[in-house]
Amino acid sequence: MARSTNSTSKLGAEQRHTIKELVCDILELEPDEVTSTSLFKEDHDADSLSAIEILSVLERTFHLTIDQAEMSRMVNLDGVCAVVEEAAAN
């Protein structure tokens, strides 16, 4: 059976896990405190410096360039994963 090339998520479970670990490390949270949709700022008291640090670490870890304008979408793990997927596709 052929795999669909139009998968809704191009990131594998390992990459999503790595992103979650990085975010938790920067926000100084335990992994069980962060869900895919919990909001970094509102739910976890993250500040703009944390957002910049997350973007920078993602760029270094995944060897990507992410436009700083994308930070407005990086409000939770789902948003971060979507931005990383799109940057990896370019």
PDB file of N, CA and C in Angstrom:
ATOM      1  N   MET A   1       0.840  -1.179   0.000  1.00  0.00           N
ATOM      2  CA  MET A   1       0.000   0.000   0.000  1.00  0.00           C
ATOM      3  C   MET A   1       0.883   1.239   0.000  1.00  0.00           C
ATOM      4  N   ALA A   2       0.625   2.172  -0.881  1.00  0.00           N
ATOM      5  CA  ALA A   2       1.429   3.385  -0.997  1.00  0.00           C
ATOM      6  C   ALA A   2       1.087   4.374   0.102  1.00  0.00           C
ATOM      7  N   ARG A   3       2.101   5.075   0.556  1.00  0.00           N
ATOM      8  CA  ARG A   3       1.893   6.123   1.552  1.00  0.00           C
ATOM      9  C   ARG A   3       1.432   7.387   0.854  1.00  0.00           C
ATOM     10  N   SER A   4       0.572   8.114   1.511  1.00  0.00           N
ATOM     11  CA  SER A   4       0.111   9.387   0.975  1.00  0.00           C
ATOM     12  C   SER A   4       1.216  10.421   1.104  1.00  0.00           C
ATOM     13  N   THR A   5       1.448  11.176   0.050  1.00  0.00           N
ATOM     14  CA  THR A   5       2.447  12.233   0.115  1.00  0.00           C
ATOM     15  C   THR A   5       1.840  13.520   0.653  1.00  0.00           C
ATOM     16  N   ASN A   6       0.532  13.545   0.850  1.00  0.00           N
ATOM     17  CA  ASN A   6      -0.145  14.729   1.376  1.00  0.00           C
ATOM     18  C   ASN A   6      -0.433  14.572   2.856  1.00  0.00           C
ATOM     19  N   SER A   7       0.491  14.061   3.596  1.00  0.00           N
ATOM     20  CA  SER A   7       0.329  13.887   5.031  1.00  0.00           C
ATOM     21  C   SER A   7       0.116  15.237   5.696  1.00  0.00           C
ATOM     22  N   THR A   8      -0.735  15.274   6.721  1.00  0.00           N
ATOM     23  CA  THR A   8      -1.008  16.535   7.399  1.00  0.00           C
ATOM     24  C   THR A   8       0.190  16.986   8.224  1.00  0.00           C
ATOM     25  N   SER A   9       1.052  16.077   8.612  1.00  0.00           N
ATOM     26  CA  SER A   9       2.225  16.434   9.394  1.00  0.00           C
ATOM     27  C   SER A   9       3.459  15.782   8.798  1.00  0.00           C
ATOM     28  N   LYS A  10       4.417  16.605   8.436  1.00  0.00           N
ATOM     29  CA  LYS A  10       5.653  16.078   7.870  1.00  0.00           C
ATOM     30  C   LYS A  10       6.677  15.778   8.956  1.00  0.00           C
ATOM     31  N   LEU A  11       6.461  16.318  10.152  1.00  0.00           N
ATOM     32  CA  LEU A  11       7.374  16.045  11.253  1.00  0.00           C
ATOM     33  C   LEU A  11       7.064  14.687  11.847  1.00  0.00           C
ATOM     34  N   GLY A  12       8.104  13.944  12.107  1.00  0.00           N
ATOM     35  CA  GLY A  12       7.923  12.657  12.747  1.00  0.00           C
ATOM     36  C   GLY A  12       7.760  12.824  14.248  1.00  0.00           C
ATOM     37  N   ALA A  13       7.383  11.738  14.900  1.00  0.00           N
ATOM     38  CA  ALA A  13       7.192  11.761  16.351  1.00  0.00           C
ATOM     39  C   ALA A  13       8.481  12.158  17.065  1.00  0.00           C
ATOM     40  N   GLU A  14       9.612  11.703  16.546  1.00  0.00           N
ATOM     41  CA  GLU A  14      10.890  12.034  17.173  1.00  0.00           C
ATOM     42  C   GLU A  14      11.180  13.531  17.092  1.00  0.00           C
ATOM     43  N   GLN A  15      10.893  14.144  15.935  1.00  0.00           N
ATOM     44  CA  GLN A  15      11.111  15.584  15.785  1.00  0.00           C
ATOM     45  C   GLN A  15      10.166  16.379  16.683  1.00  0.00           C
ATOM     46  N   ARG A  16       8.902  15.962  16.746  1.00  0.00           N
ATOM     47  CA  ARG A  16       7.940  16.644  17.634  1.00  0.00           C
ATOM     48  C   ARG A  16       8.396  16.518  19.092  1.00  0.00           C
ATOM     49  N   HIS A  17       8.917  15.361  19.462  1.00  0.00           N
ATOM     50  CA  HIS A  17       9.410  15.150  20.824  1.00  0.00           C
ATOM     51  C   HIS A  17      10.602  16.072  21.103  1.00  0.00           C
ATOM     52  N   THR A  18      11.499  16.194  20.134  1.00  0.00           N
ATOM     53  CA  THR A  18      12.657  17.072  20.284  1.00  0.00           C
ATOM     54  C   THR A  18      12.208  18.515  20.462  1.00  0.00           C
ATOM     55  N   ILE A  19      11.249  18.952  19.657  1.00  0.00           N
ATOM     56  CA  ILE A  19      10.730  20.321  19.771  1.00  0.00           C
ATOM     57  C   ILE A  19      10.140  20.536  21.160  1.00  0.00           C
ATOM     58  N   LYS A  20       9.361  19.574  21.635  1.00  0.00           N
ATOM     59  CA  LYS A  20       8.756  19.708  22.967  1.00  0.00           C
ATOM     60  C   LYS A  20       9.836  19.788  24.045  1.00  0.00           C
ATOM     61  N   GLU A  21      10.867  18.953  23.935  1.00  0.00           N
ATOM     62  CA  GLU A  21      11.962  18.990  24.909  1.00  0.00           C
ATOM     63  C   GLU A  21      12.658  20.347  24.913  1.00  0.00           C
ATOM     64  N   LEU A  22      12.921  20.889  23.735  1.00  0.00           N
ATOM     65  CA  LEU A  22      13.578  22.190  23.626  1.00  0.00           C
ATOM     66  C   LEU A  22      12.731  23.287  24.254  1.00  0.00           C
ATOM     67  N   VAL A  23      11.444  23.284  23.925  1.00  0.00           N
ATOM     68  CA  VAL A  23      10.534  24.294  24.467  1.00  0.00           C
ATOM     69  C   VAL A  23      10.445  24.176  25.988  1.00  0.00           C
ATOM     70  N   CYS A  24      10.301  22.968  26.487  1.00  0.00           N
ATOM     71  CA  CYS A  24      10.217  22.761  27.937  1.00  0.00           C
ATOM     72  C   CYS A  24      11.485  23.212  28.638  1.00  0.00           C
ATOM     73  N   ASP A  25      12.620  22.950  28.017  1.00  0.00           N
ATOM     74  CA  ASP A  25      13.895  23.362  28.594  1.00  0.00           C
ATOM     75  C   ASP A  25      13.982  24.883  28.680  1.00  0.00           C
ATOM     76  N   ILE A  26      13.620  25.567  27.611  1.00  0.00           N
ATOM     77  CA  ILE A  26      13.686  27.032  27.573  1.00  0.00           C
ATOM     78  C   ILE A  26      12.683  27.646  28.554  1.00  0.00           C
ATOM     79  N   LEU A  27      11.474  27.089  28.611  1.00  0.00           N
ATOM     80  CA  LEU A  27      10.445  27.641  29.494  1.00  0.00           C
ATOM     81  C   LEU A  27      10.551  27.122  30.924  1.00  0.00           C
ATOM     82  N   GLU A  28      11.528  26.235  31.157  1.00  0.00           N
ATOM     83  CA  GLU A  28      11.755  25.636  32.471  1.00  0.00           C
ATOM     84  C   GLU A  28      10.492  24.957  33.003  1.00  0.00           C
ATOM     85  N   LEU A  29       9.938  24.087  32.148  1.00  0.00           N
ATOM     86  CA  LEU A  29       8.724  23.339  32.477  1.00  0.00           C
ATOM     87  C   LEU A  29       8.982  21.849  32.346  1.00  0.00           C
ATOM     88  N   GLU A  30       8.182  21.075  33.045  1.00  0.00           N
ATOM     89  CA  GLU A  30       8.212  19.624  32.887  1.00  0.00           C
ATOM     90  C   GLU A  30       7.386  19.276  31.644  1.00  0.00           C
ATOM     91  N   PRO A  31       7.778  18.247  30.893  1.00  0.00           N
ATOM     92  CA  PRO A  31       7.036  17.879  29.676  1.00  0.00           C
ATOM     93  C   PRO A  31       5.547  17.633  29.903  1.00  0.00           C
ATOM     94  N   ASP A  32       5.173  17.108  31.073  1.00  0.00           N
ATOM     95  CA  ASP A  32       3.748  16.845  31.304  1.00  0.00           C
ATOM     96  C   ASP A  32       2.953  18.118  31.582  1.00  0.00           C
ATOM     97  N   GLU A  33       3.637  19.254  31.734  1.00  0.00           N
ATOM     98  CA  GLU A  33       2.955  20.529  31.932  1.00  0.00           C
ATOM     99  C   GLU A  33       2.545  21.172  30.606  1.00  0.00           C
ATOM    100  N   VAL A  34       3.153  20.736  29.514  1.00  0.00           N
ATOM    101  CA  VAL A  34       2.947  21.361  28.213  1.00  0.00           C
ATOM    102  C   VAL A  34       2.172  20.410  27.306  1.00  0.00           C
ATOM    103  N   THR A  35       1.051  20.897  26.770  1.00  0.00           N
ATOM    104  CA  THR A  35       0.291  20.115  25.795  1.00  0.00           C
ATOM    105  C   THR A  35       0.497  20.743  24.411  1.00  0.00           C
ATOM    106  N   SER A  36      -0.036  20.099  23.411  1.00  0.00           N
ATOM    107  CA  SER A  36       0.100  20.620  22.043  1.00  0.00           C
ATOM    108  C   SER A  36      -0.556  21.978  21.883  1.00  0.00           C
ATOM    109  N   THR A  37      -1.596  22.238  22.694  1.00  0.00           N
ATOM    110  CA  THR A  37      -2.352  23.479  22.522  1.00  0.00           C
ATOM    111  C   THR A  37      -2.242  24.449  23.698  1.00  0.00           C
ATOM    112  N   SER A  38      -1.492  24.076  24.752  1.00  0.00           N
ATOM    113  CA  SER A  38      -1.345  25.035  25.859  1.00  0.00           C
ATOM    114  C   SER A  38      -0.529  26.225  25.366  1.00  0.00           C
ATOM    115  N   LEU A  39      -0.963  27.412  25.751  1.00  0.00           N
ATOM    116  CA  LEU A  39      -0.358  28.643  25.262  1.00  0.00           C
ATOM    117  C   LEU A  39       0.854  29.019  26.104  1.00  0.00           C
ATOM    118  N   PHE A  40       1.968  29.270  25.425  1.00  0.00           N
ATOM    119  CA  PHE A  40       3.212  29.564  26.128  1.00  0.00           C
ATOM    120  C   PHE A  40       3.081  30.786  27.034  1.00  0.00           C
ATOM    121  N   LYS A  41       2.554  31.870  26.496  1.00  0.00           N
ATOM    122  CA  LYS A  41       2.468  33.121  27.248  1.00  0.00           C
ATOM    123  C   LYS A  41       1.387  33.052  28.328  1.00  0.00           C
ATOM    124  N   GLU A  42       0.175  32.687  27.923  1.00  0.00           N
ATOM    125  CA  GLU A  42      -0.953  32.724  28.830  1.00  0.00           C
ATOM    126  C   GLU A  42      -0.924  31.603  29.872  1.00  0.00           C
ATOM    127  N   ASP A  43      -0.557  30.400  29.452  1.00  0.00           N
ATOM    128  CA  ASP A  43      -0.590  29.246  30.359  1.00  0.00           C
ATOM    129  C   ASP A  43       0.729  29.007  31.088  1.00  0.00           C
ATOM    130  N   HIS A  44       1.841  29.463  30.499  1.00  0.00           N
ATOM    131  CA  HIS A  44       3.151  29.124  31.054  1.00  0.00           C
ATOM    132  C   HIS A  44       4.023  30.343  31.352  1.00  0.00           C
ATOM    133  N   ASP A  45       3.447  31.538  31.276  1.00  0.00           N
ATOM    134  CA  ASP A  45       4.156  32.783  31.623  1.00  0.00           C
ATOM    135  C   ASP A  45       5.435  33.024  30.823  1.00  0.00           C
ATOM    136  N   ALA A  46       5.452  32.595  29.575  1.00  0.00           N
ATOM    137  CA  ALA A  46       6.608  32.851  28.717  1.00  0.00           C
ATOM    138  C   ALA A  46       6.612  34.326  28.314  1.00  0.00           C
ATOM    139  N   ASP A  47       7.800  34.853  28.060  1.00  0.00           N
ATOM    140  CA  ASP A  47       7.907  36.239  27.604  1.00  0.00           C
ATOM    141  C   ASP A  47       8.488  36.271  26.188  1.00  0.00           C
ATOM    142  N   SER A  48       8.625  37.475  25.650  1.00  0.00           N
ATOM    143  CA  SER A  48       9.104  37.596  24.270  1.00  0.00           C
ATOM    144  C   SER A  48      10.542  37.110  24.124  1.00  0.00           C
ATOM    145  N   LEU A  49      11.342  37.241  25.174  1.00  0.00           N
ATOM    146  CA  LEU A  49      12.708  36.732  25.120  1.00  0.00           C
ATOM    147  C   LEU A  49      12.712  35.206  24.970  1.00  0.00           C
ATOM    148  N   SER A  50      11.785  34.539  25.643  1.00  0.00           N
ATOM    149  CA  SER A  50      11.658  33.083  25.512  1.00  0.00           C
ATOM    150  C   SER A  50      11.314  32.704  24.079  1.00  0.00           C
ATOM    151  N   ALA A  51      10.428  33.477  23.454  1.00  0.00           N
ATOM    152  CA  ALA A  51      10.031  33.199  22.066  1.00  0.00           C
ATOM    153  C   ALA A  51      11.224  33.314  21.132  1.00  0.00           C
ATOM    154  N   ILE A  52      12.046  34.334  21.345  1.00  0.00           N
ATOM    155  CA  ILE A  52      13.239  34.519  20.514  1.00  0.00           C
ATOM    156  C   ILE A  52      14.219  33.368  20.742  1.00  0.00           C
ATOM    157  N   GLU A  53      14.352  32.956  21.986  1.00  0.00           N
ATOM    158  CA  GLU A  53      15.251  31.847  22.297  1.00  0.00           C
ATOM    159  C   GLU A  53      14.759  30.550  21.657  1.00  0.00           C
ATOM    160  N   ILE A  54      13.447  30.300  21.699  1.00  0.00           N
ATOM    161  CA  ILE A  54      12.875  29.111  21.067  1.00  0.00           C
ATOM    162  C   ILE A  54      13.182  29.124  19.572  1.00  0.00           C
ATOM    163  N   LEU A  55      12.946  30.256  18.922  1.00  0.00           N
ATOM    164  CA  LEU A  55      13.204  30.366  17.489  1.00  0.00           C
ATOM    165  C   LEU A  55      14.681  30.097  17.186  1.00  0.00           C
ATOM    166  N   SER A  56      15.551  30.678  17.964  1.00  0.00           N
ATOM    167  CA  SER A  56      16.994  30.512  17.745  1.00  0.00           C
ATOM    168  C   SER A  56      17.439  29.055  17.921  1.00  0.00           C
ATOM    169  N   VAL A  57      16.953  28.415  18.970  1.00  0.00           N
ATOM    170  CA  VAL A  57      17.321  27.020  19.223  1.00  0.00           C
ATOM    171  C   VAL A  57      16.771  26.111  18.125  1.00  0.00           C
ATOM    172  N   LEU A  58      15.572  26.377  17.657  1.00  0.00           N
ATOM    173  CA  LEU A  58      15.002  25.577  16.566  1.00  0.00           C
ATOM    174  C   LEU A  58      15.840  25.714  15.304  1.00  0.00           C
ATOM    175  N   GLU A  59      16.270  26.940  15.006  1.00  0.00           N
ATOM    176  CA  GLU A  59      17.099  27.151  13.815  1.00  0.00           C
ATOM    177  C   GLU A  59      18.400  26.362  13.906  1.00  0.00           C
ATOM    178  N   ARG A  60      19.042  26.405  15.068  1.00  0.00           N
ATOM    179  CA  ARG A  60      20.313  25.683  15.237  1.00  0.00           C
ATOM    180  C   ARG A  60      20.105  24.174  15.228  1.00  0.00           C
ATOM    181  N   THR A  61      19.078  23.704  15.904  1.00  0.00           N
ATOM    182  CA  THR A  61      18.845  22.268  16.033  1.00  0.00           C
ATOM    183  C   THR A  61      18.476  21.631  14.704  1.00  0.00           C
ATOM    184  N   PHE A  62      17.590  22.296  13.954  1.00  0.00           N
ATOM    185  CA  PHE A  62      17.079  21.719  12.709  1.00  0.00           C
ATOM    186  C   PHE A  62      17.745  22.311  11.465  1.00  0.00           C
ATOM    187  N   HIS A  63      18.748  23.177  11.656  1.00  0.00           N
ATOM    188  CA  HIS A  63      19.484  23.789  10.544  1.00  0.00           C
ATOM    189  C   HIS A  63      18.529  24.478   9.572  1.00  0.00           C
ATOM    190  N   LEU A  64      17.702  25.378  10.138  1.00  0.00           N
ATOM    191  CA  LEU A  64      16.697  26.095   9.368  1.00  0.00           C
ATOM    192  C   LEU A  64      16.886  27.593   9.533  1.00  0.00           C
ATOM    193  N   THR A  65      16.229  28.346   8.664  1.00  0.00           N
ATOM    194  CA  THR A  65      16.092  29.780   8.843  1.00  0.00           C
ATOM    195  C   THR A  65      14.605  30.051   8.990  1.00  0.00           C
ATOM    196  N   ILE A  66      14.240  30.668  10.113  1.00  0.00           N
ATOM    197  CA  ILE A  66      12.832  30.964  10.393  1.00  0.00           C
ATOM    198  C   ILE A  66      12.694  32.474  10.505  1.00  0.00           C
ATOM    199  N   ASP A  67      11.798  33.037   9.718  1.00  0.00           N
ATOM    200  CA  ASP A  67      11.541  34.468   9.740  1.00  0.00           C
ATOM    201  C   ASP A  67      10.977  34.856  11.110  1.00  0.00           C
ATOM    202  N   GLN A  68      11.484  35.952  11.688  1.00  0.00           N
ATOM    203  CA  GLN A  68      11.002  36.364  13.000  1.00  0.00           C
ATOM    204  C   GLN A  68       9.516  36.691  12.997  1.00  0.00           C
ATOM    205  N   ALA A  69       8.951  37.013  11.851  1.00  0.00           N
ATOM    206  CA  ALA A  69       7.517  37.278  11.757  1.00  0.00           C
ATOM    207  C   ALA A  69       6.704  36.036  12.130  1.00  0.00           C
ATOM    208  N   GLU A  70       7.315  34.862  12.003  1.00  0.00           N
ATOM    209  CA  GLU A  70       6.627  33.608  12.339  1.00  0.00           C
ATOM    210  C   GLU A  70       6.423  33.437  13.847  1.00  0.00           C
ATOM    211  N   MET A  71       7.112  34.238  14.642  1.00  0.00           N
ATOM    212  CA  MET A  71       6.960  34.112  16.100  1.00  0.00           C
ATOM    213  C   MET A  71       5.519  34.332  16.537  1.00  0.00           C
ATOM    214  N   SER A  72       4.765  35.127  15.794  1.00  0.00           N
ATOM    215  CA  SER A  72       3.372  35.375  16.162  1.00  0.00           C
ATOM    216  C   SER A  72       2.528  34.100  16.064  1.00  0.00           C
ATOM    217  N   ARG A  73       2.981  33.124  15.292  1.00  0.00           N
ATOM    218  CA  ARG A  73       2.278  31.841  15.162  1.00  0.00           C
ATOM    219  C   ARG A  73       2.774  30.804  16.167  1.00  0.00           C
ATOM    220  N   MET A  74       3.915  31.080  16.776  1.00  0.00           N
ATOM    221  CA  MET A  74       4.547  30.110  17.667  1.00  0.00           C
ATOM    222  C   MET A  74       4.045  30.286  19.105  1.00  0.00           C
ATOM    223  N   VAL A  75       2.740  30.126  19.291  1.00  0.00           N
ATOM    224  CA  VAL A  75       2.116  30.370  20.596  1.00  0.00           C
ATOM    225  C   VAL A  75       1.947  29.093  21.410  1.00  0.00           C
ATOM    226  N   ASN A  76       2.075  27.943  20.740  1.00  0.00           N
ATOM    227  CA  ASN A  76       1.964  26.640  21.400  1.00  0.00           C
ATOM    228  C   ASN A  76       2.757  25.614  20.587  1.00  0.00           C
ATOM    229  N   LEU A  77       2.809  24.389  21.080  1.00  0.00           N
ATOM    230  CA  LEU A  77       3.604  23.362  20.371  1.00  0.00           C
ATOM    231  C   LEU A  77       3.108  23.121  18.957  1.00  0.00           C
ATOM    232  N   ASP A  78       1.791  23.094  18.759  1.00  0.00           N
ATOM    233  CA  ASP A  78       1.269  22.891  17.407  1.00  0.00           C
ATOM    234  C   ASP A  78       1.745  23.987  16.464  1.00  0.00           C
ATOM    235  N   GLY A  79       1.722  25.225  16.937  1.00  0.00           N
ATOM    236  CA  GLY A  79       2.184  26.351  16.117  1.00  0.00           C
ATOM    237  C   GLY A  79       3.665  26.255  15.800  1.00  0.00           C
ATOM    238  N   VAL A  80       4.457  25.894  16.799  1.00  0.00           N
ATOM    239  CA  VAL A  80       5.902  25.752  16.600  1.00  0.00           C
ATOM    240  C   VAL A  80       6.175  24.657  15.575  1.00  0.00           C
ATOM    241  N   CYS A  81       5.499  23.527  15.716  1.00  0.00           N
ATOM    242  CA  CYS A  81       5.709  22.417  14.768  1.00  0.00           C
ATOM    243  C   CYS A  81       5.324  22.822  13.352  1.00  0.00           C
ATOM    244  N   ALA A  82       4.231  23.570  13.205  1.00  0.00           N
ATOM    245  CA  ALA A  82       3.806  24.020  11.876  1.00  0.00           C
ATOM    246  C   ALA A  82       4.856  24.940  11.251  1.00  0.00           C
ATOM    247  N   VAL A  83       5.413  25.843  12.038  1.00  0.00           N
ATOM    248  CA  VAL A  83       6.435  26.761  11.533  1.00  0.00           C
ATOM    249  C   VAL A  83       7.691  25.985  11.128  1.00  0.00           C
ATOM    250  N   VAL A  84       8.095  25.015  11.938  1.00  0.00           N
ATOM    251  CA  VAL A  84       9.281  24.208  11.610  1.00  0.00           C
ATOM    252  C   VAL A  84       9.034  23.405  10.341  1.00  0.00           C
ATOM    253  N   GLU A  85       7.850  22.814  10.213  1.00  0.00           N
ATOM    254  CA  GLU A  85       7.519  22.052   8.994  1.00  0.00           C
ATOM    255  C   GLU A  85       7.630  22.924   7.751  1.00  0.00           C
ATOM    256  N   GLU A  86       7.047  24.132   7.826  1.00  0.00           N
ATOM    257  CA  GLU A  86       7.059  25.020   6.670  1.00  0.00           C
ATOM    258  C   GLU A  86       8.475  25.488   6.342  1.00  0.00           C
ATOM    259  N   ALA A  87       9.261  25.789   7.371  1.00  0.00           N
ATOM    260  CA  ALA A  87      10.647  26.230   7.130  1.00  0.00           C
ATOM    261  C   ALA A  87      11.462  25.087   6.509  1.00  0.00           C
ATOM    262  N   ALA A  88      11.208  23.853   6.946  1.00  0.00           N
ATOM    263  CA  ALA A  88      11.928  22.698   6.415  1.00  0.00           C
ATOM    264  C   ALA A  88      11.546  22.428   4.962  1.00  0.00           C
ATOM    265  N   ALA A  89      10.332  22.787   4.594  1.00  0.00           N
ATOM    266  CA  ALA A  89       9.858  22.544   3.227  1.00  0.00           C
ATOM    267  C   ALA A  89      10.448  23.541   2.230  1.00  0.00           C
ATOM    268  N   ASN A  90      10.957  24.641   2.725  1.00  0.00           N
ATOM    269  CA  ASN A  90      11.499  25.690   1.839  1.00  0.00           C
ATOM    270  C   ASN A  90      12.972  25.542   1.602  1.00  0.00           C
TER     271      ASN A  90
END
